[in-house]
Amino acid sequence: MNFQLLPFYKEGILEAGCDEAGRGCLAGPVVAAAVILPPDFNYGILNDSKKLSEKQRKELRPLIENGAQAWAVEMVSNEEIDKVNILNASFIAMNRAVQKLKVKPEYLLIDGNRFRPQTEIPFTCMVKGDGRFYSIAAASVLAKTWRDEYMEKIHPQFPHFDWAQNKGYATLKHREAIAKYGITKYHRLSFRLQNDQLKLDL
């Protein structure tokens, strides 16, 4: 069922939508974005990034970056994920993105059901918010496209893992490559990668 995304949660308040990408990956960073959109921002295909094609996400990214009042993207590395766990790393990435915004929001719309703020800005968690609000959908598109681009850039270093295609997710080819070649410096050691986790010689 398709329905129109909402332009705001509280009218007249400067809201920033926040979302992340890459929580379930075996390799690479978790990436979060925060986006403040103008009230009249409306692109028909904008939706939860998971419901869009790669082509649609790439088309939307410059429209969001050029049309937003403010936006920011932050990454938390796989090493930091291993230190603090993926949930906390997601919170850290979102907080860093919010703090990086050139315009300070008055309210945060957080995709998901949990958040641990590092600012005094009030917030509301929105389950499946990326399919409900334009600002969160825009954040989901930026987080996803920035992360995908990062994984494509590091792919040539370890082409056996097929990161240009799987973006670090646990595909069969990715797991088979881990079993055959071992673990790279980009893998999350705190995740269950293989029964015997062997570090790849670098």
Protein backbone atom coordinates (compact mmCIF):
# COMPACT_ATOMS: atom_id res chain seq x y z
CA MET A 1 0.00 0.00 0.00
CA ASN A 2 1.46 3.33 -1.07
CA PHE A 3 0.71 6.47 0.88
CA GLN A 4 2.13 9.94 1.00
CA LEU A 5 5.03 10.48 3.37
CA LEU A 6 4.52 13.18 5.97
CA PRO A 7 6.47 16.47 5.74
CA PHE A 8 6.73 16.90 9.51
CA TYR A 9 5.88 15.43 12.91
CA LYS A 10 5.35 18.75 14.70
CA GLU A 11 4.39 21.66 12.50
CA GLY A 12 6.42 24.83 12.83
CA ILE A 13 9.37 23.06 14.46
CA LEU A 14 12.76 22.69 12.78
CA GLU A 15 13.01 18.90 12.58
CA ALA A 16 15.93 16.71 11.55
CA GLY A 17 15.29 13.18 10.36
CA CYS A 18 17.97 10.61 11.33
CA ASP A 19 18.68 7.15 10.00
CA GLU A 20 21.57 4.73 9.60
CA ALA A 21 22.77 2.11 7.14
CA GLY A 22 24.95 -0.96 7.50
CA ARG A 23 24.03 -2.28 10.93
CA GLY A 24 23.74 -5.85 9.69
CA CYS A 25 26.91 -5.92 7.59
CA LEU A 26 29.91 -8.13 8.28
CA ALA A 27 32.39 -5.52 7.05
CA GLY A 28 32.75 -1.78 6.80
CA PRO A 29 31.40 1.11 8.86
CA VAL A 30 27.92 1.92 10.06
CA VAL A 31 26.83 5.20 8.50
CA ALA A 32 24.25 7.68 9.77
CA ALA A 33 22.72 10.78 8.24
CA ALA A 34 20.75 13.69 9.65
CA VAL A 35 18.65 15.84 7.31
CA ILE A 36 16.61 19.01 7.76
CA LEU A 37 14.25 19.52 4.83
CA PRO A 38 12.31 22.65 3.89
CA PRO A 39 8.53 22.35 4.42
CA ASP A 40 7.84 22.27 0.68
CA PHE A 41 10.35 19.52 -0.13
CA ASN A 42 8.49 16.84 -2.07
CA TYR A 43 9.94 14.36 -4.52
CA GLY A 44 7.45 11.70 -5.50
CA ILE A 45 9.79 8.71 -5.42
CA LEU A 46 11.42 9.59 -2.07
CA ASN A 47 10.84 6.71 0.32
CA ASP A 48 12.62 4.31 2.63
CA SER A 49 15.91 3.63 0.82
CA LYS A 50 15.30 -0.13 1.02
CA LYS A 51 12.20 0.33 -1.16
CA LEU A 52 14.13 2.20 -3.84
CA SER A 53 16.40 0.91 -6.58
CA GLU A 54 20.08 1.79 -6.58
CA LYS A 55 19.41 4.05 -9.57
CA GLN A 56 16.63 5.88 -7.71
CA ARG A 57 18.80 6.37 -4.63
CA LYS A 58 21.61 7.82 -6.75
CA GLU A 59 19.16 10.18 -8.46
CA LEU A 60 17.76 11.35 -5.13
CA ARG A 61 21.06 11.94 -3.35
CA PRO A 62 22.00 15.23 -5.11
CA LEU A 63 18.38 16.43 -4.92
CA ILE A 64 18.43 15.90 -1.15
CA GLU A 65 21.90 17.39 -0.66
CA ASN A 66 21.07 20.46 -2.75
CA GLY A 67 17.49 20.87 -1.53
CA ALA A 68 17.93 20.31 2.21
CA GLN A 69 18.27 23.19 4.66
CA ALA A 70 21.08 21.18 6.24
CA TRP A 71 22.42 17.64 6.07
CA ALA A 72 25.33 15.68 7.50
CA VAL A 73 26.72 12.17 7.19
CA GLU A 74 28.99 10.42 9.70
CA MET A 75 30.66 7.00 9.76
CA VAL A 76 31.72 4.79 12.66
CA SER A 77 34.46 2.35 11.67
CA ASN A 78 34.42 -1.40 12.10
CA GLU A 79 37.15 -1.05 14.76
CA GLU A 80 34.95 1.28 16.80
CA ILE A 81 31.96 -1.01 16.28
CA ASP A 82 33.98 -3.85 17.80
CA LYS A 83 34.78 -1.69 20.83
CA VAL A 84 31.29 -0.39 21.63
CA ASN A 85 28.95 -2.88 19.82
CA ILE A 86 26.83 -2.16 16.76
CA LEU A 87 23.84 -0.66 18.60
CA ASN A 88 25.97 1.90 20.42
CA ALA A 89 27.93 2.57 17.24
CA SER A 90 24.66 3.39 15.47
CA PHE A 91 23.76 5.85 18.22
CA ILE A 92 27.22 7.42 18.04
CA ALA A 93 26.99 7.82 14.26
CA MET A 94 23.57 9.48 14.51
CA ASN A 95 24.70 11.83 17.26
CA ARG A 96 27.80 12.83 15.29
CA ALA A 97 25.66 13.53 12.23
CA VAL A 98 23.26 15.70 14.27
CA GLN A 99 26.16 17.61 15.84
CA LYS A 100 27.68 18.19 12.39
CA LEU A 101 24.55 19.90 11.01
CA LYS A 102 25.19 23.53 10.07
CA VAL A 103 21.67 24.41 11.26
CA LYS A 104 20.74 23.27 14.77
CA PRO A 105 17.43 21.39 14.76
CA GLU A 106 14.79 21.91 17.40
CA TYR A 107 13.58 18.32 17.26
CA LEU A 108 14.90 14.94 16.07
CA LEU A 109 12.97 12.18 14.35
CA ILE A 110 14.92 8.96 14.87
CA ASP A 111 14.27 5.89 12.75
CA GLY A 112 13.84 2.83 14.98
CA ASN A 113 12.69 2.19 18.52
CA ARG A 114 15.75 3.21 20.55
CA PHE A 115 18.16 6.12 20.78
CA ARG A 116 20.76 7.39 23.23
CA PRO A 117 21.17 11.15 22.70
CA GLN A 118 24.34 13.13 23.28
CA THR A 119 22.59 16.50 22.98
CA GLU A 120 19.71 18.22 24.75
CA ILE A 121 17.60 18.25 21.57
CA PRO A 122 14.24 16.50 22.19
CA PHE A 123 13.50 13.50 19.99
CA THR A 124 10.96 10.85 19.10
CA CYS A 125 11.79 7.36 17.89
CA MET A 126 9.76 6.27 14.89
CA VAL A 127 9.47 2.57 14.06
CA LYS A 128 9.75 2.31 10.27
CA GLY A 129 10.01 6.09 10.24
CA ASP A 130 11.90 6.01 6.93
CA GLY A 131 8.62 4.98 5.31
CA ARG A 132 6.59 7.62 7.16
CA PHE A 133 8.46 10.94 7.11
CA TYR A 134 10.29 12.71 4.30
CA SER A 135 13.17 13.79 6.52
CA ILE A 136 13.91 10.27 7.76
CA ALA A 137 13.53 8.85 4.25
CA ALA A 138 16.01 11.45 3.01
CA ALA A 139 18.43 10.50 5.80
CA SER A 140 18.07 6.83 4.87
CA VAL A 141 18.94 7.60 1.25
CA LEU A 142 22.03 9.61 2.19
CA ALA A 143 23.25 7.03 4.71
CA LYS A 144 22.77 4.19 2.23
CA THR A 145 24.36 5.91 -0.78
CA TRP A 146 27.35 7.22 1.18
CA ARG A 147 27.97 3.79 2.68
CA ASP A 148 27.58 2.00 -0.65
CA GLU A 149 30.05 4.41 -2.22
CA TYR A 150 32.56 3.74 0.56
CA MET A 151 32.29 -0.04 0.09
CA GLU A 152 32.72 0.34 -3.67
CA LYS A 153 35.89 2.39 -3.07
CA ILE A 154 37.51 -0.23 -0.83
CA HIS A 155 36.38 -3.15 -3.01
CA PRO A 156 39.54 -3.16 -5.20
CA GLN A 157 41.70 -3.78 -2.11
CA PHE A 158 39.97 -7.12 -1.49
CA PRO A 159 38.01 -7.98 -4.66
CA HIS A 160 37.39 -11.60 -3.61
CA PHE A 161 34.77 -10.40 -1.11
CA ASP A 162 32.60 -8.78 -3.81
CA TRP A 163 31.91 -5.63 -1.77
CA ALA A 164 31.07 -3.64 -4.90
CA GLN A 165 27.98 -5.83 -5.14
CA ASN A 166 27.13 -7.02 -1.61
CA LYS A 167 28.31 -3.83 0.19
CA GLY A 168 29.57 -5.95 3.09
CA TYR A 169 26.34 -7.81 3.80
CA ALA A 170 26.39 -11.51 4.60
CA THR A 171 25.83 -12.94 1.14
CA LEU A 172 26.86 -16.49 0.35
CA LYS A 173 29.76 -15.26 -1.80
CA HIS A 174 30.97 -12.99 1.02
CA ARG A 175 30.89 -15.80 3.59
CA GLU A 176 32.59 -18.22 1.20
CA ALA A 177 35.35 -15.66 0.61
CA ILE A 178 35.86 -15.25 4.37
CA ALA A 179 36.16 -19.05 4.69
CA LYS A 180 38.68 -19.20 1.85
CA TYR A 181 40.76 -16.03 2.32
CA GLY A 182 40.29 -15.10 5.98
CA ILE A 183 39.31 -11.80 7.54
CA THR A 184 40.38 -8.34 6.39
CA LYS A 185 41.03 -5.14 8.31
CA TYR A 186 37.53 -4.00 7.38
CA HIS A 187 35.68 -6.93 8.93
CA ARG A 188 33.80 -6.62 12.21
CA LEU A 189 35.49 -9.07 14.53
CA SER A 190 32.66 -8.85 17.07
CA PHE A 191 30.27 -10.30 14.48
CA ARG A 192 29.92 -14.01 13.81
CA LEU A 193 31.89 -14.26 10.58
CA GLN A 194 33.07 -17.88 10.57
CA ASN A 195 33.58 -20.66 13.09
CA ASP A 196 37.32 -20.08 13.03
CA GLN A 197 38.13 -16.41 12.56
CA LEU A 198 41.50 -16.13 10.89
CA LYS A 199 43.03 -12.73 10.23
CA LEU A 200 44.09 -12.14 6.65
CA ASP A 201 47.75 -11.34 6.25
CA LEU A 202 48.08 -7.68 5.22
